[in-house]
Amino acid sequence: MSPTSSTPPWDVHRLPRAEGSVFLVTGGNAGIGYFIAEQLSATGATVVLGCRDPARAEAAVTSIRSRVPGAQVRAIRLDLADLASLSAAVESLEVSALHAVVHNAGVALDAPPRRETGDGHELMFGTNHLGHFALTGLLMPLLSAAPAARVVTVGSFAAKSERLDLDDLQSRRDYQAKRTYGRTKLAQMYFGLELDRRLRTLGSSVESAVVHPGGALDALTPSRPTVHVRSLGARLCAAPAALLVQGKHAGAWPAVRAVLDPAARGGELWGPRLFSLRGAPRQEAVWSHLADAAVAAGLWDASWDLTAVDPTCLRGQAMRAGPWPTGG
């Protein structure tokens, strides 16, 4: 839904206040995730960074506090590649309700060899998709306890040219690092949209939206010492690219809007305004292949089998009884 004429235009530099809200940002210690967390912290909300590396998490918390006076920000240890650890991570939140989770964390490998998580899943698929799929189920009671909570999944523009092979989700037959990464981000986007469809069927107050950052480069990203430092040389070399793409601070804008904008709704896709690559965030048409209900359902069933978690369990235990499945 687009803002009505009575709603002030969205301004990425004048965000609505969100005191009393609690937001979890996975991978909030670096890249786009860091800037999502920094921007959400400026609203007065409590922001929790879910990070695998405690030292990098602390550096990010320190950076946010130095830039946002009075920021209510902290970190928990979260390793999406270790499914058995996720319950403890959720417990460590120590909150009675969660108003939004931003699924941002991810692994991107540039080259072979293919690697696996300790659970036997291809590393990028296991971390980027399965970890967030399972985490959502474990967070659902907290999300359901908040009024109109939101799940915001950060996909990638690279996923627009990819297609899922339901018979090879783990890239056992066809592993190409960049292609596999794009497919894992596509899987996340399918999940985010399918989650909303299922939540609507259940009459849940939780909504799920999908975003992508467009083209976001480190060289166009402002420095945040101890988190990210941009050299003058890198800035000058990347200057021509700024006509088409942007920095990661701007790549955060669609996710931040999907969390905060009262006009945003579940089932929507948000991205940059200009050619879906740069600019202010806007709602865009859901890509045609993301509307394939059969693929979405097949991915959901496979993910449930591989994680033993039901993301639409609104109360109580989301996990099936028994050990974590492996392989597949």
C-alpha atoms as a PDB file:
ATOM      1  CA  MET A   1       0.000   0.000   0.000  1.00  0.00           C
ATOM      2  CA  SER A   2       1.348   3.412  -0.904  1.00  0.00           C
ATOM      3  CA  PRO A   3       1.113   6.339   1.511  1.00  0.00           C
ATOM      4  CA  THR A   4      -2.074   8.380   1.073  1.00  0.00           C
ATOM      5  CA  SER A   5      -2.059  12.059   0.234  1.00  0.00           C
ATOM      6  CA  SER A   6      -2.589  12.892   3.924  1.00  0.00           C
ATOM      7  CA  THR A   7       0.591  11.080   4.911  1.00  0.00           C
ATOM      8  CA  PRO A   8       3.799  13.161   4.806  1.00  0.00           C
ATOM      9  CA  PRO A   9       6.313  11.987   2.189  1.00  0.00           C
ATOM     10  CA  TRP A  10       8.779   9.456   3.540  1.00  0.00           C
ATOM     11  CA  ASP A  11      12.055  11.110   4.498  1.00  0.00           C
ATOM     12  CA  VAL A  12      15.010   8.810   5.111  1.00  0.00           C
ATOM     13  CA  HIS A  13      16.558  11.520   7.287  1.00  0.00           C
ATOM     14  CA  ARG A  14      13.449  12.157   9.436  1.00  0.00           C
ATOM     15  CA  LEU A  15      12.305   8.766  10.661  1.00  0.00           C
ATOM     16  CA  PRO A  16       9.233   8.324  12.868  1.00  0.00           C
ATOM     17  CA  ARG A  17       9.816   7.760  16.564  1.00  0.00           C
ATOM     18  CA  ALA A  18       9.591   4.206  17.891  1.00  0.00           C
ATOM     19  CA  GLU A  19      10.166   4.416  21.642  1.00  0.00           C
ATOM     20  CA  GLY A  20       9.079   1.255  23.414  1.00  0.00           C
ATOM     21  CA  SER A  21       9.684  -0.946  20.374  1.00  0.00           C
ATOM     22  CA  VAL A  22      12.295  -3.704  20.241  1.00  0.00           C
ATOM     23  CA  PHE A  23      13.941  -4.552  16.921  1.00  0.00           C
ATOM     24  CA  LEU A  24      16.345  -7.418  16.182  1.00  0.00           C
ATOM     25  CA  VAL A  25      18.755  -7.027  13.257  1.00  0.00           C
ATOM     26  CA  THR A  26      20.672 -10.144  12.272  1.00  0.00           C
ATOM     27  CA  GLY A  27      24.177  -9.416  11.066  1.00  0.00           C
ATOM     28  CA  GLY A  28      23.933  -5.911  12.494  1.00  0.00           C
ATOM     29  CA  ASN A  29      27.661  -5.558  13.046  1.00  0.00           C
ATOM     30  CA  ALA A  30      28.720  -4.794   9.452  1.00  0.00           C
ATOM     31  CA  GLY A  31      27.612  -3.685   6.012  1.00  0.00           C
ATOM     32  CA  ILE A  32      23.964  -2.947   5.354  1.00  0.00           C
ATOM     33  CA  GLY A  33      22.965  -4.560   8.645  1.00  0.00           C
ATOM     34  CA  TYR A  34      25.063  -2.090  10.599  1.00  0.00           C
ATOM     35  CA  PHE A  35      23.380   0.882   8.933  1.00  0.00           C
ATOM     36  CA  ILE A  36      19.921  -0.632   9.432  1.00  0.00           C
ATOM     37  CA  ALA A  37      20.731  -0.886  13.137  1.00  0.00           C
ATOM     38  CA  GLU A  38      22.204   2.620  13.313  1.00  0.00           C
ATOM     39  CA  GLN A  39      19.195   4.183  11.611  1.00  0.00           C
ATOM     40  CA  LEU A  40      16.653   2.256  13.700  1.00  0.00           C
ATOM     41  CA  SER A  41      18.535   3.257  16.861  1.00  0.00           C
ATOM     42  CA  ALA A  42      17.919   6.918  16.030  1.00  0.00           C
ATOM     43  CA  THR A  43      14.150   6.365  16.459  1.00  0.00           C
ATOM     44  CA  GLY A  44      14.388   5.721  20.201  1.00  0.00           C
ATOM     45  CA  ALA A  45      13.696   1.999  19.834  1.00  0.00           C
ATOM     46  CA  THR A  46      15.742  -0.697  21.527  1.00  0.00           C
ATOM     47  CA  VAL A  47      17.849  -2.342  18.826  1.00  0.00           C
ATOM     48  CA  VAL A  48      19.476  -5.723  19.311  1.00  0.00           C
ATOM     49  CA  LEU A  49      22.263  -6.845  17.009  1.00  0.00           C
ATOM     50  CA  GLY A  50      22.358 -10.578  16.358  1.00  0.00           C
ATOM     51  CA  CYS A  51      25.987 -11.368  15.548  1.00  0.00           C
ATOM     52  CA  ARG A  52      28.268 -14.374  15.382  1.00  0.00           C
ATOM     53  CA  ASP A  53      31.468 -12.527  16.393  1.00  0.00           C
ATOM     54  CA  PRO A  54      31.271 -10.864  19.859  1.00  0.00           C
ATOM     55  CA  ALA A  55      34.235  -8.540  19.209  1.00  0.00           C
ATOM     56  CA  ARG A  56      32.768  -7.192  15.966  1.00  0.00           C
ATOM     57  CA  ALA A  57      29.380  -6.876  17.628  1.00  0.00           C
ATOM     58  CA  GLU A  58      30.844  -4.782  20.436  1.00  0.00           C
ATOM     59  CA  ALA A  59      32.628  -2.547  17.912  1.00  0.00           C
ATOM     60  CA  ALA A  60      29.318  -1.945  16.144  1.00  0.00           C
ATOM     61  CA  VAL A  61      27.508  -1.174  19.401  1.00  0.00           C
ATOM     62  CA  THR A  62      30.235   1.306  20.355  1.00  0.00           C
ATOM     63  CA  SER A  63      30.044   2.964  16.936  1.00  0.00           C
ATOM     64  CA  ILE A  64      26.259   3.349  17.077  1.00  0.00           C
ATOM     65  CA  ARG A  65      26.387   4.808  20.570  1.00  0.00           C
ATOM     66  CA  SER A  66      29.016   7.325  19.446  1.00  0.00           C
ATOM     67  CA  ARG A  67      26.780   8.544  16.610  1.00  0.00           C
ATOM     68  CA  VAL A  68      23.331   8.254  18.197  1.00  0.00           C
ATOM     69  CA  PRO A  69      23.193   9.927  21.621  1.00  0.00           C
ATOM     70  CA  GLY A  70      21.212   7.821  24.056  1.00  0.00           C
ATOM     71  CA  ALA A  71      20.973   4.865  21.688  1.00  0.00           C
ATOM     72  CA  GLN A  72      19.383   1.814  23.275  1.00  0.00           C
ATOM     73  CA  VAL A  73      21.477  -0.802  21.508  1.00  0.00           C
ATOM     74  CA  ARG A  74      22.995  -4.105  22.558  1.00  0.00           C
ATOM     75  CA  ALA A  75      24.108  -7.378  21.002  1.00  0.00           C
ATOM     76  CA  ILE A  76      23.434 -11.086  21.394  1.00  0.00           C
ATOM     77  CA  ARG A  77      25.425 -13.991  20.001  1.00  0.00           C
ATOM     78  CA  LEU A  78      23.655 -15.460  16.975  1.00  0.00           C
ATOM     79  CA  ASP A  79      25.122 -18.081  14.654  1.00  0.00           C
ATOM     80  CA  LEU A  80      22.606 -18.883  11.923  1.00  0.00           C
ATOM     81  CA  ALA A  81      24.782 -21.725  10.638  1.00  0.00           C
ATOM     82  CA  ASP A  82      24.291 -23.598  13.938  1.00  0.00           C
ATOM     83  CA  LEU A  83      20.616 -24.490  14.145  1.00  0.00           C
ATOM     84  CA  ALA A  84      20.888 -26.050  17.592  1.00  0.00           C
ATOM     85  CA  SER A  85      22.157 -22.758  19.040  1.00  0.00           C
ATOM     86  CA  LEU A  86      19.201 -20.657  17.934  1.00  0.00           C
ATOM     87  CA  SER A  87      16.918 -21.414  20.894  1.00  0.00           C
ATOM     88  CA  ALA A  88      19.545 -20.103  23.314  1.00  0.00           C
ATOM     89  CA  ALA A  89      20.005 -16.990  21.175  1.00  0.00           C
ATOM     90  CA  VAL A  90      16.261 -16.261  21.308  1.00  0.00           C
ATOM     91  CA  GLU A  91      16.222 -16.766  25.074  1.00  0.00           C
ATOM     92  CA  SER A  92      19.115 -14.314  25.420  1.00  0.00           C
ATOM     93  CA  LEU A  93      16.927 -11.542  24.004  1.00  0.00           C
ATOM     94  CA  GLU A  94      15.236 -11.392  27.403  1.00  0.00           C
ATOM     95  CA  VAL A  95      12.179  -9.527  26.119  1.00  0.00           C
ATOM     96  CA  SER A  96       8.477 -10.247  26.405  1.00  0.00           C
ATOM     97  CA  ALA A  97       7.694  -9.027  22.897  1.00  0.00           C
ATOM     98  CA  LEU A  98       9.566  -8.299  19.666  1.00  0.00           C
ATOM     99  CA  HIS A  99       8.209  -5.623  17.337  1.00  0.00           C
ATOM    100  CA  ALA A 100      10.317  -6.479  14.276  1.00  0.00           C
ATOM    101  CA  VAL A 101      13.122  -8.709  13.113  1.00  0.00           C
ATOM    102  CA  VAL A 102      15.248  -7.799  10.110  1.00  0.00           C
ATOM    103  CA  HIS A 103      16.724 -10.883   8.459  1.00  0.00           C
ATOM    104  CA  ASN A 104      19.912  -9.368   7.091  1.00  0.00           C
ATOM    105  CA  ALA A 105      22.839 -11.611   8.053  1.00  0.00           C
ATOM    106  CA  GLY A 106      24.400 -13.695   5.338  1.00  0.00           C
ATOM    107  CA  VAL A 107      27.437 -15.479   4.005  1.00  0.00           C
ATOM    108  CA  ALA A 108      28.729 -14.746   0.506  1.00  0.00           C
ATOM    109  CA  LEU A 109      31.504 -16.961  -0.872  1.00  0.00           C
ATOM    110  CA  ASP A 110      33.379 -15.719  -3.923  1.00  0.00           C
ATOM    111  CA  ALA A 111      34.786 -19.021  -5.140  1.00  0.00           C
ATOM    112  CA  PRO A 112      34.727 -22.795  -4.621  1.00  0.00           C
ATOM    113  CA  PRO A 113      35.152 -25.144  -2.874  1.00  0.00           C
ATOM    114  CA  ARG A 114      31.646 -25.850  -1.663  1.00  0.00           C
ATOM    115  CA  ARG A 115      31.436 -25.775   2.135  1.00  0.00           C
ATOM    116  CA  GLU A 116      28.909 -27.081   4.637  1.00  0.00           C
ATOM    117  CA  THR A 117      27.601 -26.072   8.047  1.00  0.00           C
ATOM    118  CA  GLY A 118      27.975 -28.372  11.031  1.00  0.00           C
ATOM    119  CA  ASP A 119      24.432 -29.563  10.292  1.00  0.00           C
ATOM    120  CA  GLY A 120      25.527 -30.741   6.843  1.00  0.00           C
ATOM    121  CA  HIS A 121      23.879 -27.981   4.800  1.00  0.00           C
ATOM    122  CA  GLU A 122      25.593 -26.000   2.055  1.00  0.00           C
ATOM    123  CA  LEU A 123      27.035 -23.026   3.936  1.00  0.00           C
ATOM    124  CA  MET A 124      25.254 -20.161   2.156  1.00  0.00           C
ATOM    125  CA  PHE A 125      21.896 -21.939   1.925  1.00  0.00           C
ATOM    126  CA  GLY A 126      22.190 -23.127   5.521  1.00  0.00           C
ATOM    127  CA  THR A 127      23.074 -19.693   6.871  1.00  0.00           C
ATOM    128  CA  ASN A 128      21.212 -17.258   4.642  1.00  0.00           C
ATOM    129  CA  HIS A 129      17.969 -19.177   4.279  1.00  0.00           C
ATOM    130  CA  LEU A 130      17.615 -22.113   6.666  1.00  0.00           C
ATOM    131  CA  GLY A 131      19.004 -20.216   9.646  1.00  0.00           C
ATOM    132  CA  HIS A 132      16.525 -17.382   9.175  1.00  0.00           C
ATOM    133  CA  PHE A 133      13.680 -19.830   8.472  1.00  0.00           C
ATOM    134  CA  ALA A 134      14.310 -21.591  11.789  1.00  0.00           C
ATOM    135  CA  LEU A 135      14.932 -18.364  13.688  1.00  0.00           C
ATOM    136  CA  THR A 136      11.577 -16.991  12.547  1.00  0.00           C
ATOM    137  CA  GLY A 137       9.744 -19.952  14.028  1.00  0.00           C
ATOM    138  CA  LEU A 138      11.531 -19.598  17.338  1.00  0.00           C
ATOM    139  CA  LEU A 139      10.819 -15.849  17.425  1.00  0.00           C
ATOM    140  CA  MET A 140       7.158 -16.147  16.455  1.00  0.00           C
ATOM    141  CA  PRO A 141       5.774 -16.239  20.023  1.00  0.00           C
ATOM    142  CA  LEU A 142       7.629 -12.975  20.777  1.00  0.00           C
ATOM    143  CA  LEU A 143       6.496 -11.415  17.508  1.00  0.00           C
ATOM    144  CA  SER A 144       2.898 -12.490  18.165  1.00  0.00           C
ATOM    145  CA  ALA A 145       3.063 -10.838  21.582  1.00  0.00           C
ATOM    146  CA  ALA A 146       3.681  -7.418  19.993  1.00  0.00           C
ATOM    147  CA  PRO A 147       0.974  -5.440  18.205  1.00  0.00           C
ATOM    148  CA  ALA A 148       1.432  -5.599  14.438  1.00  0.00           C
ATOM    149  CA  ALA A 149       4.983  -6.970  14.472  1.00  0.00           C
ATOM    150  CA  ARG A 150       6.963  -7.231  11.250  1.00  0.00           C
ATOM    151  CA  VAL A 151       9.381  -9.712   9.715  1.00  0.00           C
ATOM    152  CA  VAL A 152      11.554  -7.955   7.130  1.00  0.00           C
ATOM    153  CA  THR A 153      13.738 -10.142   4.929  1.00  0.00           C
ATOM    154  CA  VAL A 154      16.646  -8.558   3.068  1.00  0.00           C
ATOM    155  CA  GLY A 155      17.025 -10.170  -0.334  1.00  0.00           C
ATOM    156  CA  SER A 156      19.261  -9.119  -3.201  1.00  0.00           C
ATOM    157  CA  PHE A 157      18.846  -7.576  -6.634  1.00  0.00           C
ATOM    158  CA  ALA A 158      21.115 -10.420  -7.801  1.00  0.00           C
ATOM    159  CA  ALA A 159      18.257 -12.808  -7.091  1.00  0.00           C
ATOM    160  CA  LYS A 160      16.146 -11.271  -9.859  1.00  0.00           C
ATOM    161  CA  SER A 161      18.009 -13.219 -12.550  1.00  0.00           C
ATOM    162  CA  GLU A 162      18.139 -16.502 -10.608  1.00  0.00           C
ATOM    163  CA  ARG A 163      15.711 -19.409 -10.379  1.00  0.00           C
ATOM    164  CA  LEU A 164      15.419 -22.088  -7.706  1.00  0.00           C
ATOM    165  CA  ASP A 165      15.982 -25.761  -8.414  1.00  0.00           C
ATOM    166  CA  LEU A 166      13.896 -27.535  -5.777  1.00  0.00           C
ATOM    167  CA  ASP A 167      15.756 -30.757  -6.534  1.00  0.00           C
ATOM    168  CA  ASP A 168      19.141 -29.160  -5.828  1.00  0.00           C
ATOM    169  CA  LEU A 169      18.601 -26.595  -3.062  1.00  0.00           C
ATOM    170  CA  GLN A 170      21.915 -27.598  -1.494  1.00  0.00           C
ATOM    171  CA  SER A 171      23.839 -27.051  -4.777  1.00  0.00           C
ATOM    172  CA  ARG A 172      25.252 -30.573  -4.751  1.00  0.00           C
ATOM    173  CA  ARG A 173      24.998 -31.000  -8.522  1.00  0.00           C
ATOM    174  CA  ASP A 174      25.477 -27.399  -9.618  1.00  0.00           C
ATOM    175  CA  TYR A 175      27.720 -25.361  -7.307  1.00  0.00           C
ATOM    176  CA  GLN A 176      28.895 -21.993  -8.551  1.00  0.00           C
ATOM    177  CA  ALA A 177      29.610 -19.678  -5.645  1.00  0.00           C
ATOM    178  CA  LYS A 178      27.987 -16.516  -6.979  1.00  0.00           C
ATOM    179  CA  ARG A 179      25.032 -18.365  -8.470  1.00  0.00           C
ATOM    180  CA  THR A 180      24.480 -20.297  -5.258  1.00  0.00           C
ATOM    181  CA  TYR A 181      24.576 -17.053  -3.274  1.00  0.00           C
ATOM    182  CA  GLY A 182      21.968 -15.485  -5.569  1.00  0.00           C
ATOM    183  CA  ARG A 183      19.750 -18.523  -5.205  1.00  0.00           C
ATOM    184  CA  THR A 184      19.981 -18.454  -1.419  1.00  0.00           C
ATOM    185  CA  LYS A 185      18.886 -14.820  -1.441  1.00  0.00           C
ATOM    186  CA  LEU A 186      16.054 -15.758  -3.793  1.00  0.00           C
ATOM    187  CA  ALA A 187      15.064 -18.514  -1.350  1.00  0.00           C
ATOM    188  CA  GLN A 188      14.930 -15.921   1.420  1.00  0.00           C
ATOM    189  CA  MET A 189      12.653 -13.723  -0.663  1.00  0.00           C
ATOM    190  CA  TYR A 190      10.326 -16.620  -1.494  1.00  0.00           C
ATOM    191  CA  PHE A 191      10.212 -17.420   2.207  1.00  0.00           C
ATOM    192  CA  GLY A 192       9.385 -13.862   3.247  1.00  0.00           C
ATOM    193  CA  LEU A 193       6.434 -13.667   0.866  1.00  0.00           C
ATOM    194  CA  GLU A 194       5.173 -17.182   1.578  1.00  0.00           C
ATOM    195  CA  LEU A 195       5.408 -16.489   5.312  1.00  0.00           C
ATOM    196  CA  ASP A 196       3.054 -13.550   4.935  1.00  0.00           C
ATOM    197  CA  ARG A 197       0.554 -15.583   2.925  1.00  0.00           C
ATOM    198  CA  ARG A 198       0.477 -18.245   5.626  1.00  0.00           C
ATOM    199  CA  LEU A 199       0.240 -15.723   8.448  1.00  0.00           C
ATOM    200  CA  ARG A 200      -2.732 -14.064   6.720  1.00  0.00           C
ATOM    201  CA  THR A 201      -4.460 -17.442   6.479  1.00  0.00           C
ATOM    202  CA  LEU A 202      -3.957 -17.914  10.223  1.00  0.00           C
ATOM    203  CA  GLY A 203      -5.278 -14.456  11.021  1.00  0.00           C
ATOM    204  CA  SER A 204      -1.978 -13.424  12.622  1.00  0.00           C
ATOM    205  CA  SER A 205      -1.185  -9.792  13.414  1.00  0.00           C
ATOM    206  CA  VAL A 206       2.433 -10.419  12.322  1.00  0.00           C
ATOM    207  CA  GLU A 207       3.271  -9.272   8.788  1.00  0.00           C
ATOM    208  CA  SER A 208       6.196 -10.250   6.570  1.00  0.00           C
ATOM    209  CA  ALA A 209       7.716  -8.072   3.858  1.00  0.00           C
ATOM    210  CA  VAL A 210      10.719  -8.423   1.565  1.00  0.00           C
ATOM    211  CA  VAL A 211      13.271  -5.779   0.595  1.00  0.00           C
ATOM    212  CA  HIS A 212      16.422  -5.500  -1.453  1.00  0.00           C
ATOM    213  CA  PRO A 213      19.165  -2.836  -1.247  1.00  0.00           C
ATOM    214  CA  GLY A 214      19.741  -2.342  -4.966  1.00  0.00           C
ATOM    215  CA  GLY A 215      23.400  -1.758  -5.784  1.00  0.00           C
ATOM    216  CA  ALA A 216      25.312  -1.060  -2.573  1.00  0.00           C
ATOM    217  CA  LEU A 217      29.101  -0.676  -2.638  1.00  0.00           C
ATOM    218  CA  ASP A 218      31.608  -0.411   0.212  1.00  0.00           C
ATOM    219  CA  ALA A 219      33.475   2.307  -1.700  1.00  0.00           C
ATOM    220  CA  LEU A 220      30.385   4.549  -1.644  1.00  0.00           C
ATOM    221  CA  THR A 221      29.667   3.893   2.024  1.00  0.00           C
ATOM    222  CA  PRO A 222      30.580   6.523   4.639  1.00  0.00           C
ATOM    223  CA  SER A 223      33.240   5.514   7.134  1.00  0.00           C
ATOM    224  CA  ARG A 224      32.399   4.184  10.555  1.00  0.00           C
ATOM    225  CA  PRO A 225      35.778   3.687  12.264  1.00  0.00           C
ATOM    226  CA  THR A 226      36.280   0.177  13.718  1.00  0.00           C
ATOM    227  CA  VAL A 227      33.326  -1.011  11.580  1.00  0.00           C
ATOM    228  CA  HIS A 228      34.109   0.316   8.089  1.00  0.00           C
ATOM    229  CA  VAL A 229      36.756   2.710   6.819  1.00  0.00           C
ATOM    230  CA  ARG A 230      36.592   4.133   3.298  1.00  0.00           C
ATOM    231  CA  SER A 231      39.844   5.391   1.813  1.00  0.00           C
ATOM    232  CA  LEU A 232      40.000   8.510  -0.333  1.00  0.00           C
ATOM    233  CA  GLY A 233      41.346   6.439  -3.224  1.00  0.00           C
ATOM    234  CA  ALA A 234      38.432   4.027  -3.063  1.00  0.00           C
ATOM    235  CA  ARG A 235      35.999   6.921  -2.919  1.00  0.00           C
ATOM    236  CA  LEU A 236      37.469   8.588  -5.987  1.00  0.00           C
ATOM    237  CA  CYS A 237      37.582   5.356  -7.987  1.00  0.00           C
ATOM    238  CA  ALA A 238      33.948   4.616  -7.189  1.00  0.00           C
ATOM    239  CA  ALA A 239      32.658   8.142  -7.881  1.00  0.00           C
ATOM    240  CA  PRO A 240      31.444   7.365 -11.453  1.00  0.00           C
ATOM    241  CA  ALA A 241      29.498   4.361 -10.160  1.00  0.00           C
ATOM    242  CA  ALA A 242      27.467   6.676  -7.929  1.00  0.00           C
ATOM    243  CA  LEU A 243      25.379   7.541 -10.983  1.00  0.00           C
ATOM    244  CA  LEU A 244      23.883   4.036 -10.871  1.00  0.00           C
ATOM    245  CA  VAL A 245      24.466   2.579  -7.409  1.00  0.00           C
ATOM    246  CA  GLN A 246      24.910   3.778  -3.837  1.00  0.00           C
ATOM    247  CA  GLY A 247      26.547   3.094  -0.491  1.00  0.00           C
ATOM    248  CA  LYS A 248      25.408   0.585   2.090  1.00  0.00           C
ATOM    249  CA  HIS A 249      23.980   3.332   4.280  1.00  0.00           C
ATOM    250  CA  ALA A 250      21.453   3.976   1.489  1.00  0.00           C
ATOM    251  CA  GLY A 251      21.053   0.252   0.848  1.00  0.00           C
ATOM    252  CA  ALA A 252      19.617   0.081   4.375  1.00  0.00           C
ATOM    253  CA  TRP A 253      16.748   2.449   3.575  1.00  0.00           C
ATOM    254  CA  PRO A 254      14.243  -0.072   2.148  1.00  0.00           C
ATOM    255  CA  ALA A 255      14.545  -2.314   5.223  1.00  0.00           C
ATOM    256  CA  VAL A 256      14.222   0.617   7.607  1.00  0.00           C
ATOM    257  CA  ARG A 257      11.109   1.823   5.815  1.00  0.00           C
ATOM    258  CA  ALA A 258       9.568  -1.657   5.816  1.00  0.00           C
ATOM    259  CA  VAL A 259      10.044  -1.764   9.598  1.00  0.00           C
ATOM    260  CA  LEU A 260       8.792   1.745  10.404  1.00  0.00           C
ATOM    261  CA  ASP A 261       6.380   2.988   7.744  1.00  0.00           C
ATOM    262  CA  PRO A 262       2.777   2.545   8.961  1.00  0.00           C
ATOM    263  CA  ALA A 263       1.669   2.423   5.315  1.00  0.00           C
ATOM    264  CA  ALA A 264       3.877  -0.597   4.535  1.00  0.00           C
ATOM    265  CA  ARG A 265       2.144  -3.966   4.478  1.00  0.00           C
ATOM    266  CA  GLY A 266       3.039  -7.622   4.513  1.00  0.00           C
ATOM    267  CA  GLY A 267       3.541  -9.320   1.180  1.00  0.00           C
ATOM    268  CA  GLU A 268       5.178  -6.246  -0.335  1.00  0.00           C
ATOM    269  CA  LEU A 269       8.584  -5.818  -1.976  1.00  0.00           C
ATOM    270  CA  TRP A 270      10.589  -2.650  -1.305  1.00  0.00           C
ATOM    271  CA  GLY A 271      13.714  -1.417  -3.065  1.00  0.00           C
ATOM    272  CA  PRO A 272      15.467   1.755  -4.271  1.00  0.00           C
ATOM    273  CA  ARG A 273      13.486   4.144  -6.435  1.00  0.00           C
ATOM    274  CA  LEU A 274      15.849   4.643  -9.400  1.00  0.00           C
ATOM    275  CA  PHE A 275      16.018   1.544 -11.626  1.00  0.00           C
ATOM    276  CA  SER A 276      15.784  -0.537  -8.416  1.00  0.00           C
ATOM    277  CA  LEU A 277      19.473   0.268  -7.904  1.00  0.00           C
ATOM    278  CA  ARG A 278      19.713   3.531  -5.980  1.00  0.00           C
ATOM    279  CA  GLY A 279      17.689   6.279  -4.363  1.00  0.00           C
ATOM    280  CA  ALA A 280      14.925   6.616  -1.809  1.00  0.00           C
ATOM    281  CA  PRO A 281      12.991   3.452  -0.889  1.00  0.00           C
ATOM    282  CA  ARG A 282       9.711   2.664  -2.596  1.00  0.00           C
ATOM    283  CA  GLN A 283       7.337  -0.246  -2.997  1.00  0.00           C
ATOM    284  CA  GLU A 284       7.857  -2.090  -6.279  1.00  0.00           C
ATOM    285  CA  ALA A 285       6.008  -4.846  -8.065  1.00  0.00           C
ATOM    286  CA  VAL A 286       6.791  -8.333  -6.815  1.00  0.00           C
ATOM    287  CA  TRP A 287       9.020 -10.022  -9.390  1.00  0.00           C
ATOM    288  CA  SER A 288       7.055 -12.437 -11.539  1.00  0.00           C
ATOM    289  CA  HIS A 289       9.005 -15.561 -10.551  1.00  0.00           C
ATOM    290  CA  LEU A 290       8.503 -14.753  -6.850  1.00  0.00           C
ATOM    291  CA  ALA A 291       4.769 -15.171  -7.423  1.00  0.00           C
ATOM    292  CA  ASP A 292       5.202 -18.885  -8.263  1.00  0.00           C
ATOM    293  CA  ALA A 293       3.138 -20.490  -5.487  1.00  0.00           C
ATOM    294  CA  ALA A 294       4.319 -24.022  -6.314  1.00  0.00           C
ATOM    295  CA  VAL A 295       7.982 -23.115  -5.894  1.00  0.00           C
ATOM    296  CA  ALA A 296       7.232 -21.221  -2.687  1.00  0.00           C
ATOM    297  CA  ALA A 297       5.332 -24.160  -1.221  1.00  0.00           C
ATOM    298  CA  GLY A 298       8.000 -26.652  -2.270  1.00  0.00           C
ATOM    299  CA  LEU A 299      10.739 -24.549  -0.695  1.00  0.00           C
ATOM    300  CA  TRP A 300       8.709 -24.175   2.497  1.00  0.00           C
ATOM    301  CA  ASP A 301       8.173 -27.921   2.839  1.00  0.00           C
ATOM    302  CA  ALA A 302      11.842 -28.682   2.171  1.00  0.00           C
ATOM    303  CA  SER A 303      12.962 -26.047   4.668  1.00  0.00           C
ATOM    304  CA  TRP A 304      10.627 -27.368   7.337  1.00  0.00           C
ATOM    305  CA  ASP A 305      11.989 -30.878   6.782  1.00  0.00           C
ATOM    306  CA  LEU A 306      15.591 -29.645   7.024  1.00  0.00           C
ATOM    307  CA  THR A 307      15.141 -27.506  10.139  1.00  0.00           C
ATOM    308  CA  ALA A 308      12.300 -29.221  12.024  1.00  0.00           C
ATOM    309  CA  VAL A 309      10.893 -25.758  12.770  1.00  0.00           C
ATOM    310  CA  ASP A 310       7.504 -24.351  11.771  1.00  0.00           C
ATOM    311  CA  PRO A 311       7.805 -20.558  11.280  1.00  0.00           C
ATOM    312  CA  THR A 312       4.038 -20.113  11.531  1.00  0.00           C
ATOM    313  CA  CYS A 313       3.766 -21.576  15.022  1.00  0.00           C
ATOM    314  CA  LEU A 314       2.219 -18.555  16.736  1.00  0.00           C
ATOM    315  CA  ARG A 315       2.398 -19.855  20.305  1.00  0.00           C
ATOM    316  CA  GLY A 316       4.420 -22.355  22.266  1.00  0.00           C
ATOM    317  CA  GLN A 317       7.074 -24.589  20.760  1.00  0.00           C
ATOM    318  CA  ALA A 318       7.921 -24.088  17.093  1.00  0.00           C
ATOM    319  CA  MET A 319      10.336 -27.031  17.027  1.00  0.00           C
ATOM    320  CA  ARG A 320       9.370 -30.598  16.319  1.00  0.00           C
ATOM    321  CA  ALA A 321      10.437 -33.149  18.896  1.00  0.00           C
ATOM    322  CA  GLY A 322      13.630 -35.052  18.212  1.00  0.00           C
ATOM    323  CA  PRO A 323      17.138 -34.253  16.984  1.00  0.00           C
ATOM    324  CA  TRP A 324      17.963 -31.677  14.322  1.00  0.00           C
ATOM    325  CA  PRO A 325      17.851 -33.148  10.803  1.00  0.00           C
ATOM    326  CA  THR A 326      21.125 -33.176   8.929  1.00  0.00           C
ATOM    327  CA  GLY A 327      22.085 -33.270   5.280  1.00  0.00           C
ATOM    328  CA  GLY A 328      19.391 -33.375   2.619  1.00  0.00           C
END
